[in-house]
PDB file of N, CA and C in Angstrom:
ATOM      1  N   MET A   1      40.812  10.455 -34.459  1.00  0.00           N
ATOM      2  CA  MET A   1      40.188  10.003 -35.678  1.00  0.00           C
ATOM      3  C   MET A   1      38.674  10.050 -35.474  1.00  0.00           C
ATOM      4  N   VAL A   2      37.958  10.609 -36.424  1.00  0.00           N
ATOM      5  CA  VAL A   2      36.512  10.720 -36.355  1.00  0.00           C
ATOM      6  C   VAL A   2      35.888   9.437 -36.889  1.00  0.00           C
ATOM      7  N   THR A   3      34.946   8.895 -36.132  1.00  0.00           N
ATOM      8  CA  THR A   3      34.241   7.691 -36.561  1.00  0.00           C
ATOM      9  C   THR A   3      32.773   8.032 -36.738  1.00  0.00           C
ATOM     10  N   GLN A   4      32.225   7.670 -37.894  1.00  0.00           N
ATOM     11  CA  GLN A   4      30.819   7.926 -38.184  1.00  0.00           C
ATOM     12  C   GLN A   4      30.138   6.602 -38.500  1.00  0.00           C
ATOM     13  N   PHE A   5      28.841   6.529 -38.194  1.00  0.00           N
ATOM     14  CA  PHE A   5      28.043   5.340 -38.458  1.00  0.00           C
ATOM     15  C   PHE A   5      26.852   5.733 -39.317  1.00  0.00           C
ATOM     16  N   ASP A   6      26.471   4.866 -40.251  1.00  0.00           N
ATOM     17  CA  ASP A   6      25.230   5.118 -40.992  1.00  0.00           C
ATOM     18  C   ASP A   6      24.080   4.421 -40.270  1.00  0.00           C
ATOM     19  N   GLU A   7      22.874   4.521 -40.819  1.00  0.00           N
ATOM     20  CA  GLU A   7      21.691   3.963 -40.150  1.00  0.00           C
ATOM     21  C   GLU A   7      21.740   2.445 -39.999  1.00  0.00           C
ATOM     22  N   LYS A   8      22.560   1.760 -40.809  1.00  0.00           N
ATOM     23  CA  LYS A   8      22.683   0.302 -40.718  1.00  0.00           C
ATOM     24  C   LYS A   8      23.847  -0.127 -39.821  1.00  0.00           C
ATOM     25  N   GLY A   9      24.570   0.843 -39.268  1.00  0.00           N
ATOM     26  CA  GLY A   9      25.685   0.533 -38.382  1.00  0.00           C
ATOM     27  C   GLY A   9      27.028   0.409 -39.068  1.00  0.00           C
ATOM     28  N   LYS A  10      27.079   0.717 -40.383  1.00  0.00           N
ATOM     29  CA  LYS A  10      28.350   0.652 -41.105  1.00  0.00           C
ATOM     30  C   LYS A  10      29.270   1.764 -40.590  1.00  0.00           C
ATOM     31  N   ILE A  11      30.543   1.435 -40.401  1.00  0.00           N
ATOM     32  CA  ILE A  11      31.509   2.381 -39.848  1.00  0.00           C
ATOM     33  C   ILE A  11      32.226   3.109 -40.977  1.00  0.00           C
ATOM     34  N   PHE A  12      32.326   4.423 -40.852  1.00  0.00           N
ATOM     35  CA  PHE A  12      33.080   5.257 -41.780  1.00  0.00           C
ATOM     36  C   PHE A  12      34.157   5.984 -40.981  1.00  0.00           C
ATOM     37  N   THR A  13      35.394   5.953 -41.465  1.00  0.00           N
ATOM     38  CA  THR A  13      36.484   6.657 -40.791  1.00  0.00           C
ATOM     39  C   THR A  13      37.146   7.623 -41.757  1.00  0.00           C
ATOM     40  N   THR A  14      37.853   8.587 -41.211  1.00  0.00           N
ATOM     41  CA  THR A  14      38.578   9.555 -42.007  1.00  0.00           C
ATOM     42  C   THR A  14      39.761   8.871 -42.692  1.00  0.00           C
ATOM     43  N   ILE A  15      39.972   9.183 -43.953  1.00  0.00           N
ATOM     44  CA  ILE A  15      41.106   8.631 -44.697  1.00  0.00           C
ATOM     45  C   ILE A  15      42.356   9.432 -44.345  1.00  0.00           C
ATOM     46  N   VAL A  16      43.439   8.735 -44.030  1.00  0.00           N
ATOM     47  CA  VAL A  16      44.705   9.379 -43.707  1.00  0.00           C
ATOM     48  C   VAL A  16      45.623   9.217 -44.910  1.00  0.00           C
ATOM     49  N   SER A  17      46.021  10.340 -45.513  1.00  0.00           N
ATOM     50  CA  SER A  17      46.908  10.294 -46.682  1.00  0.00           C
ATOM     51  C   SER A  17      48.348  10.161 -46.226  1.00  0.00           C
ATOM     52  N   LYS A  18      49.050   9.204 -46.832  1.00  0.00           N
ATOM     53  CA  LYS A  18      50.460   8.991 -46.509  1.00  0.00           C
ATOM     54  C   LYS A  18      51.264   8.874 -47.796  1.00  0.00           C
ATOM     55  N   SER A  19      52.545   9.182 -47.698  1.00  0.00           N
ATOM     56  CA  SER A  19      53.465   9.077 -48.829  1.00  0.00           C
ATOM     57  C   SER A  19      54.559   8.068 -48.484  1.00  0.00           C
ATOM     58  N   PRO A  20      54.976   7.237 -49.462  1.00  0.00           N
ATOM     59  CA  PRO A  20      56.044   6.269 -49.182  1.00  0.00           C
ATOM     60  C   PRO A  20      57.410   6.948 -49.115  1.00  0.00           C
ATOM     61  N   VAL A  21      58.221   6.520 -48.154  1.00  0.00           N
ATOM     62  CA  VAL A  21      59.595   6.999 -48.006  1.00  0.00           C
ATOM     63  C   VAL A  21      60.488   5.767 -48.080  1.00  0.00           C
ATOM     64  N   LYS A  22      61.400   5.735 -49.047  1.00  0.00           N
ATOM     65  CA  LYS A  22      62.332   4.604 -49.161  1.00  0.00           C
ATOM     66  C   LYS A  22      63.367   4.709 -48.049  1.00  0.00           C
ATOM     67  N   VAL A  23      63.589   3.573 -47.359  1.00  0.00           N
ATOM     68  CA  VAL A  23      64.490   3.561 -46.211  1.00  0.00           C
ATOM     69  C   VAL A  23      65.388   2.329 -46.224  1.00  0.00           C
ATOM     70  N   LEU A  24      66.467   2.427 -45.465  1.00  0.00           N
ATOM     71  CA  LEU A  24      67.334   1.295 -45.152  1.00  0.00           C
ATOM     72  C   LEU A  24      67.328   1.181 -43.637  1.00  0.00           C
ATOM     73  N   ILE A  25      66.969   0.006 -43.123  1.00  0.00           N
ATOM     74  CA  ILE A  25      66.842  -0.220 -41.683  1.00  0.00           C
ATOM     75  C   ILE A  25      67.859  -1.272 -41.255  1.00  0.00           C
ATOM     76  N   GLN A  26      68.607  -0.977 -40.195  1.00  0.00           N
ATOM     77  CA  GLN A  26      69.531  -1.958 -39.622  1.00  0.00           C
ATOM     78  C   GLN A  26      68.858  -2.612 -38.425  1.00  0.00           C
ATOM     79  N   LEU A  27      68.760  -3.937 -38.461  1.00  0.00           N
ATOM     80  CA  LEU A  27      68.245  -4.734 -37.355  1.00  0.00           C
ATOM     81  C   LEU A  27      69.411  -5.519 -36.753  1.00  0.00           C
ATOM     82  N   PRO A  28      69.238  -6.158 -35.610  1.00  0.00           N
ATOM     83  CA  PRO A  28      70.359  -6.895 -35.003  1.00  0.00           C
ATOM     84  C   PRO A  28      70.988  -7.950 -35.914  1.00  0.00           C
ATOM     85  N   THR A  29      70.183  -8.621 -36.753  1.00  0.00           N
ATOM     86  CA  THR A  29      70.738  -9.697 -37.582  1.00  0.00           C
ATOM     87  C   THR A  29      70.582  -9.475 -39.078  1.00  0.00           C
ATOM     88  N   ASN A  30      69.894  -8.416 -39.486  1.00  0.00           N
ATOM     89  CA  ASN A  30      69.640  -8.172 -40.904  1.00  0.00           C
ATOM     90  C   ASN A  30      69.520  -6.685 -41.191  1.00  0.00           C
ATOM     91  N   GLN A  31      69.533  -6.363 -42.485  1.00  0.00           N
ATOM     92  CA  GLN A  31      69.147  -5.036 -42.955  1.00  0.00           C
ATOM     93  C   GLN A  31      67.865  -5.201 -43.755  1.00  0.00           C
ATOM     94  N   VAL A  32      67.045  -4.167 -43.768  1.00  0.00           N
ATOM     95  CA  VAL A  32      65.812  -4.179 -44.541  1.00  0.00           C
ATOM     96  C   VAL A  32      65.783  -2.922 -45.391  1.00  0.00           C
ATOM     97  N   GLN A  33      65.551  -3.106 -46.683  1.00  0.00           N
ATOM     98  CA  GLN A  33      65.363  -1.997 -47.601  1.00  0.00           C
ATOM     99  C   GLN A  33      63.899  -2.031 -48.017  1.00  0.00           C
ATOM    100  N   GLY A  34      63.215  -0.898 -47.960  1.00  0.00           N
ATOM    101  CA  GLY A  34      61.810  -0.874 -48.334  1.00  0.00           C
ATOM    102  C   GLY A  34      61.219   0.508 -48.171  1.00  0.00           C
ATOM    103  N   GLU A  35      59.895   0.558 -48.056  1.00  0.00           N
ATOM    104  CA  GLU A  35      59.186   1.831 -47.943  1.00  0.00           C
ATOM    105  C   GLU A  35      58.367   1.861 -46.662  1.00  0.00           C
ATOM    106  N   ILE A  36      58.471   2.989 -45.957  1.00  0.00           N
ATOM    107  CA  ILE A  36      57.623   3.266 -44.803  1.00  0.00           C
ATOM    108  C   ILE A  36      56.706   4.402 -45.217  1.00  0.00           C
ATOM    109  N   HIS A  37      55.438   4.279 -44.891  1.00  0.00           N
ATOM    110  CA  HIS A  37      54.466   5.296 -45.299  1.00  0.00           C
ATOM    111  C   HIS A  37      54.293   6.313 -44.182  1.00  0.00           C
ATOM    112  N   VAL A  38      54.543   7.591 -44.536  1.00  0.00           N
ATOM    113  CA  VAL A  38      54.547   8.692 -43.582  1.00  0.00           C
ATOM    114  C   VAL A  38      53.429   9.661 -43.940  1.00  0.00           C
ATOM    115  N   ARG A  39      52.755  10.188 -42.927  1.00  0.00           N
ATOM    116  CA  ARG A  39      51.729  11.203 -43.182  1.00  0.00           C
ATOM    117  C   ARG A  39      52.339  12.333 -44.001  1.00  0.00           C
ATOM    118  N   ARG A  40      51.560  12.863 -44.911  1.00  0.00           N
ATOM    119  CA  ARG A  40      52.087  13.872 -45.837  1.00  0.00           C
ATOM    120  C   ARG A  40      52.656  15.090 -45.127  1.00  0.00           C
ATOM    121  N   ASP A  41      52.107  15.454 -43.985  1.00  0.00           N
ATOM    122  CA  ASP A  41      52.626  16.601 -43.244  1.00  0.00           C
ATOM    123  C   ASP A  41      53.529  16.165 -42.089  1.00  0.00           C
ATOM    124  N   GLY A  42      53.892  14.885 -42.057  1.00  0.00           N
ATOM    125  CA  GLY A  42      54.685  14.347 -40.957  1.00  0.00           C
ATOM    126  C   GLY A  42      56.112  14.024 -41.353  1.00  0.00           C
ATOM    127  N   ARG A  43      56.833  13.471 -40.387  1.00  0.00           N
ATOM    128  CA  ARG A  43      58.227  13.083 -40.593  1.00  0.00           C
ATOM    129  C   ARG A  43      58.381  11.595 -40.287  1.00  0.00           C
ATOM    130  N   LEU A  44      59.439  11.012 -40.793  1.00  0.00           N
ATOM    131  CA  LEU A  44      59.741   9.610 -40.515  1.00  0.00           C
ATOM    132  C   LEU A  44      59.850   9.392 -39.007  1.00  0.00           C
ATOM    133  N   LYS A  45      60.478  10.299 -38.315  1.00  0.00           N
ATOM    134  CA  LYS A  45      60.638  10.206 -36.864  1.00  0.00           C
ATOM    135  C   LYS A  45      59.284  10.148 -36.158  1.00  0.00           C
ATOM    136  N   ASP A  46      58.299  10.868 -36.676  1.00  0.00           N
ATOM    137  CA  ASP A  46      56.960  10.839 -36.079  1.00  0.00           C
ATOM    138  C   ASP A  46      56.361   9.435 -36.152  1.00  0.00           C
ATOM    139  N   GLU A  47      56.572   8.744 -37.267  1.00  0.00           N
ATOM    140  CA  GLU A  47      56.066   7.371 -37.405  1.00  0.00           C
ATOM    141  C   GLU A  47      56.749   6.439 -36.401  1.00  0.00           C
ATOM    142  N   LEU A  48      58.050   6.620 -36.212  1.00  0.00           N
ATOM    143  CA  LEU A  48      58.794   5.775 -35.276  1.00  0.00           C
ATOM    144  C   LEU A  48      58.416   6.070 -33.826  1.00  0.00           C
ATOM    145  N   ASP A  49      58.078   7.330 -33.537  1.00  0.00           N
ATOM    146  CA  ASP A  49      57.728   7.732 -32.176  1.00  0.00           C
ATOM    147  C   ASP A  49      56.267   7.471 -31.825  1.00  0.00           C
ATOM    148  N   SER A  50      55.476   6.999 -32.781  1.00  0.00           N
ATOM    149  CA  SER A  50      54.057   6.742 -32.502  1.00  0.00           C
ATOM    150  C   SER A  50      53.928   5.617 -31.469  1.00  0.00           C
ATOM    151  N   ALA A  51      52.743   5.446 -30.954  1.00  0.00           N
ATOM    152  CA  ALA A  51      52.496   4.435 -29.918  1.00  0.00           C
ATOM    153  C   ALA A  51      52.521   3.008 -30.465  1.00  0.00           C
ATOM    154  N   ASN A  52      52.577   2.854 -31.783  1.00  0.00           N
ATOM    155  CA  ASN A  52      52.574   1.516 -32.381  1.00  0.00           C
ATOM    156  C   ASN A  52      53.876   0.782 -32.077  1.00  0.00           C
ATOM    157  N   LYS A  53      53.761  -0.488 -31.711  1.00  0.00           N
ATOM    158  CA  LYS A  53      54.936  -1.306 -31.398  1.00  0.00           C
ATOM    159  C   LYS A  53      55.656  -1.760 -32.668  1.00  0.00           C
ATOM    160  N   TYR A  54      54.906  -1.861 -33.761  1.00  0.00           N
ATOM    161  CA  TYR A  54      55.474  -2.324 -35.029  1.00  0.00           C
ATOM    162  C   TYR A  54      55.310  -1.250 -36.093  1.00  0.00           C
ATOM    163  N   ILE A  55      56.217  -1.252 -37.058  1.00  0.00           N
ATOM    164  CA  ILE A  55      56.129  -0.332 -38.190  1.00  0.00           C
ATOM    165  C   ILE A  55      56.019  -1.175 -39.463  1.00  0.00           C
ATOM    166  N   ALA A  56      55.136  -0.762 -40.341  1.00  0.00           N
ATOM    167  CA  ALA A  56      54.912  -1.487 -41.595  1.00  0.00           C
ATOM    168  C   ALA A  56      55.936  -1.050 -42.633  1.00  0.00           C
ATOM    169  N   VAL A  57      56.572  -2.029 -43.272  1.00  0.00           N
ATOM    170  CA  VAL A  57      57.513  -1.775 -44.366  1.00  0.00           C
ATOM    171  C   VAL A  57      56.952  -2.494 -45.588  1.00  0.00           C
ATOM    172  N   THR A  58      56.756  -1.761 -46.678  1.00  0.00           N
ATOM    173  CA  THR A  58      56.242  -2.370 -47.904  1.00  0.00           C
ATOM    174  C   THR A  58      57.355  -2.495 -48.927  1.00  0.00           C
ATOM    175  N   ASN A  59      57.150  -3.384 -49.898  1.00  0.00           N
ATOM    176  CA  ASN A  59      58.149  -3.645 -50.947  1.00  0.00           C
ATOM    177  C   ASN A  59      59.522  -3.871 -50.322  1.00  0.00           C
ATOM    178  N   ALA A  60      59.565  -4.768 -49.349  1.00  0.00           N
ATOM    179  CA  ALA A  60      60.763  -4.969 -48.534  1.00  0.00           C
ATOM    180  C   ALA A  60      61.713  -5.999 -49.130  1.00  0.00           C
ATOM    181  N   THR A  61      62.998  -5.703 -49.011  1.00  0.00           N
ATOM    182  CA  THR A  61      64.066  -6.642 -49.328  1.00  0.00           C
ATOM    183  C   THR A  61      64.840  -6.866 -48.041  1.00  0.00           C
ATOM    184  N   ILE A  62      64.918  -8.118 -47.610  1.00  0.00           N
ATOM    185  CA  ILE A  62      65.657  -8.456 -46.399  1.00  0.00           C
ATOM    186  C   ILE A  62      67.053  -8.882 -46.823  1.00  0.00           C
ATOM    187  N   LEU A  63      68.043  -8.218 -46.256  1.00  0.00           N
ATOM    188  CA  LEU A  63      69.445  -8.427 -46.610  1.00  0.00           C
ATOM    189  C   LEU A  63      70.200  -9.029 -45.430  1.00  0.00           C
ATOM    190  N   SER A  64      71.391  -9.559 -45.718  1.00  0.00           N
ATOM    191  CA  SER A  64      72.267 -10.034 -44.649  1.00  0.00           C
ATOM    192  C   SER A  64      72.633  -8.848 -43.756  1.00  0.00           C
ATOM    193  N   GLN A  65      73.248  -9.133 -42.618  1.00  0.00           N
ATOM    194  CA  GLN A  65      73.557  -8.074 -41.656  1.00  0.00           C
ATOM    195  C   GLN A  65      74.424  -6.967 -42.254  1.00  0.00           C
ATOM    196  N   ASP A  66      75.357  -7.333 -43.128  1.00  0.00           N
ATOM    197  CA  ASP A  66      76.216  -6.319 -43.750  1.00  0.00           C
ATOM    198  C   ASP A  66      75.638  -5.779 -45.057  1.00  0.00           C
ATOM    199  N   GLY A  67      74.471  -6.271 -45.469  1.00  0.00           N
ATOM    200  CA  GLY A  67      73.804  -5.768 -46.669  1.00  0.00           C
ATOM    201  C   GLY A  67      74.331  -6.324 -47.973  1.00  0.00           C
ATOM    202  N   SER A  68      75.209  -7.328 -47.914  1.00  0.00           N
ATOM    203  CA  SER A  68      75.848  -7.832 -49.133  1.00  0.00           C
ATOM    204  C   SER A  68      75.047  -8.915 -49.860  1.00  0.00           C
ATOM    205  N   LYS A  69      74.069  -9.536 -49.183  1.00  0.00           N
ATOM    206  CA  LYS A  69      73.350 -10.668 -49.778  1.00  0.00           C
ATOM    207  C   LYS A  69      71.846 -10.513 -49.561  1.00  0.00           C
ATOM    208  N   VAL A  70      71.070 -10.702 -50.643  1.00  0.00           N
ATOM    209  CA  VAL A  70      69.612 -10.679 -50.534  1.00  0.00           C
ATOM    210  C   VAL A  70      69.148 -12.023 -49.983  1.00  0.00           C
ATOM    211  N   ILE A  71      68.378 -11.979 -48.903  1.00  0.00           N
ATOM    212  CA  ILE A  71      67.840 -13.200 -48.300  1.00  0.00           C
ATOM    213  C   ILE A  71      66.455 -13.501 -48.862  1.00  0.00           C
ATOM    214  N   THR A  72      65.587 -12.501 -48.875  1.00  0.00           N
ATOM    215  CA  THR A  72      64.244 -12.676 -49.431  1.00  0.00           C
ATOM    216  C   THR A  72      63.619 -11.311 -49.703  1.00  0.00           C
ATOM    217  N   GLN A  73      62.518 -11.328 -50.417  1.00  0.00           N
ATOM    218  CA  GLN A  73      61.767 -10.108 -50.703  1.00  0.00           C
ATOM    219  C   GLN A  73      60.303 -10.367 -50.384  1.00  0.00           C
ATOM    220  N   CYS A  74      59.593  -9.320 -49.980  1.00  0.00           N
ATOM    221  CA  CYS A  74      58.166  -9.462 -49.690  1.00  0.00           C
ATOM    222  C   CYS A  74      57.464  -8.123 -49.889  1.00  0.00           C
ATOM    223  N   LYS A  75      56.159  -8.192 -50.094  1.00  0.00           N
ATOM    224  CA  LYS A  75      55.373  -6.973 -50.304  1.00  0.00           C
ATOM    225  C   LYS A  75      55.103  -6.250 -48.995  1.00  0.00           C
ATOM    226  N   PHE A  76      55.058  -6.987 -47.881  1.00  0.00           N
ATOM    227  CA  PHE A  76      54.774  -6.399 -46.572  1.00  0.00           C
ATOM    228  C   PHE A  76      55.614  -7.069 -45.502  1.00  0.00           C
ATOM    229  N   LEU A  77      56.169  -6.237 -44.622  1.00  0.00           N
ATOM    230  CA  LEU A  77      56.943  -6.730 -43.489  1.00  0.00           C
ATOM    231  C   LEU A  77      56.608  -5.853 -42.289  1.00  0.00           C
ATOM    232  N   SER A  78      56.364  -6.463 -41.156  1.00  0.00           N
ATOM    233  CA  SER A  78      56.105  -5.739 -39.919  1.00  0.00           C
ATOM    234  C   SER A  78      57.361  -5.828 -39.064  1.00  0.00           C
ATOM    235  N   VAL A  79      57.939  -4.677 -38.711  1.00  0.00           N
ATOM    236  CA  VAL A  79      59.200  -4.632 -37.972  1.00  0.00           C
ATOM    237  C   VAL A  79      58.939  -4.099 -36.561  1.00  0.00           C
ATOM    238  N   ASN A  80      59.435  -4.810 -35.557  1.00  0.00           N
ATOM    239  CA  ASN A  80      59.321  -4.374 -34.169  1.00  0.00           C
ATOM    240  C   ASN A  80      60.216  -3.149 -33.972  1.00  0.00           C
ATOM    241  N   ASN A  81      59.633  -2.052 -33.519  1.00  0.00           N
ATOM    242  CA  ASN A  81      60.395  -0.811 -33.326  1.00  0.00           C
ATOM    243  C   ASN A  81      61.575  -0.992 -32.377  1.00  0.00           C
ATOM    244  N   ASN A  82      61.452  -1.887 -31.392  1.00  0.00           N
ATOM    245  CA  ASN A  82      62.537  -2.103 -30.432  1.00  0.00           C
ATOM    246  C   ASN A  82      63.748  -2.784 -31.060  1.00  0.00           C
ATOM    247  N   GLN A  83      63.599  -3.372 -32.235  1.00  0.00           N
ATOM    248  CA  GLN A  83      64.698  -4.062 -32.904  1.00  0.00           C
ATOM    249  C   GLN A  83      65.474  -3.152 -33.858  1.00  0.00           C
ATOM    250  N   ILE A  84      64.977  -1.945 -34.092  1.00  0.00           N
ATOM    251  CA  ILE A  84      65.638  -1.032 -35.034  1.00  0.00           C
ATOM    252  C   ILE A  84      66.861  -0.412 -34.364  1.00  0.00           C
ATOM    253  N   ILE A  85      68.033  -0.629 -34.974  1.00  0.00           N
ATOM    254  CA  ILE A  85      69.279  -0.039 -34.486  1.00  0.00           C
ATOM    255  C   ILE A  85      69.440   1.350 -35.088  1.00  0.00           C
ATOM    256  N   TRP A  86      69.268   1.436 -36.413  1.00  0.00           N
ATOM    257  CA  TRP A  86      69.257   2.731 -37.104  1.00  0.00           C
ATOM    258  C   TRP A  86      68.404   2.629 -38.344  1.00  0.00           C
ATOM    259  N   ILE A  87      67.984   3.797 -38.826  1.00  0.00           N
ATOM    260  CA  ILE A  87      67.162   3.862 -40.036  1.00  0.00           C
ATOM    261  C   ILE A  87      67.577   5.102 -40.817  1.00  0.00           C
ATOM    262  N   ILE A  88      67.740   4.940 -42.127  1.00  0.00           N
ATOM    263  CA  ILE A  88      68.171   6.044 -42.991  1.00  0.00           C
ATOM    264  C   ILE A  88      67.216   6.154 -44.173  1.00  0.00           C
ATOM    265  N   PRO A  89      66.633   7.337 -44.385  1.00  0.00           N
ATOM    266  CA  PRO A  89      65.884   7.537 -45.629  1.00  0.00           C
ATOM    267  C   PRO A  89      66.874   7.508 -46.793  1.00  0.00           C
ATOM    268  N   GLU A  90      66.531   6.838 -47.886  1.00  0.00           N
ATOM    269  CA  GLU A  90      67.467   6.725 -49.013  1.00  0.00           C
ATOM    270  C   GLU A  90      67.856   8.081 -49.579  1.00  0.00           C
ATOM    271  N   THR A  91      66.995   9.084 -49.434  1.00  0.00           N
ATOM    272  CA  THR A  91      67.332  10.425 -49.935  1.00  0.00           C
ATOM    273  C   THR A  91      68.472  11.054 -49.144  1.00  0.00           C
ATOM    274  N   GLU A  92      68.759  10.529 -47.951  1.00  0.00           N
ATOM    275  CA  GLU A  92      69.831  11.063 -47.108  1.00  0.00           C
ATOM    276  C   GLU A  92      71.147  10.306 -47.274  1.00  0.00           C
ATOM    277  N   MET A  93      71.141   9.214 -48.045  1.00  0.00           N
ATOM    278  CA  MET A  93      72.355   8.417 -48.228  1.00  0.00           C
ATOM    279  C   MET A  93      73.322   9.130 -49.163  1.00  0.00           C
ATOM    280  N   LEU A  94      74.593   9.050 -48.826  1.00  0.00           N
ATOM    281  CA  LEU A  94      75.628   9.671 -49.647  1.00  0.00           C
ATOM    282  C   LEU A  94      76.227   8.694 -50.644  1.00  0.00           C
ATOM    283  N   ASP A  95      76.162   7.399 -50.356  1.00  0.00           N
ATOM    284  CA  ASP A  95      76.732   6.369 -51.219  1.00  0.00           C
ATOM    285  C   ASP A  95      75.742   6.039 -52.332  1.00  0.00           C
ATOM    286  N   GLU A  96      76.052   6.427 -53.570  1.00  0.00           N
ATOM    287  CA  GLU A  96      75.147   6.210 -54.697  1.00  0.00           C
ATOM    288  C   GLU A  96      74.958   4.734 -55.019  1.00  0.00           C
ATOM    289  N   GLU A  97      75.908   3.881 -54.627  1.00  0.00           N
ATOM    290  CA  GLU A  97      75.792   2.442 -54.879  1.00  0.00           C
ATOM    291  C   GLU A  97      74.598   1.850 -54.134  1.00  0.00           C
ATOM    292  N   ILE A  98      74.292   2.383 -52.958  1.00  0.00           N
ATOM    293  CA  ILE A  98      73.215   1.852 -52.129  1.00  0.00           C
ATOM    294  C   ILE A  98      71.860   2.248 -52.688  1.00  0.00           C
ATOM    295  N   GLN A  99      71.738   3.459 -53.213  1.00  0.00           N
ATOM    296  CA  GLN A  99      70.457   3.944 -53.719  1.00  0.00           C
ATOM    297  C   GLN A  99      70.075   3.208 -54.990  1.00  0.00           C
ATOM    298  N   LYS A 100      68.790   2.831 -55.086  1.00  0.00           N
ATOM    299  CA  LYS A 100      68.307   2.113 -56.266  1.00  0.00           C
ATOM    300  C   LYS A 100      67.104   2.803 -56.831  1.00  0.00           C
TER     301      LYS A 100
END
């Protein structure tokens, strides 16, 4: 990432464009439905393989472990990558009942 400074010391950085990908994430005790933002030329796997320990999920719905009950909803959720059992982009789901 390129960092630039103006004469007053203000920091300017390159803007990284990302697109939201709707996903369903299985955690040990819950499921999370929401959006992960992926670089436009990247893949969901690239975001998971990054050096970041946590992944940001926006517009998140936290569900029971089997996905049958909504526990809470939030605009932002930080998920520890080590807790992810599996993750499915909603575009890859075959069950139309799950897709919203």
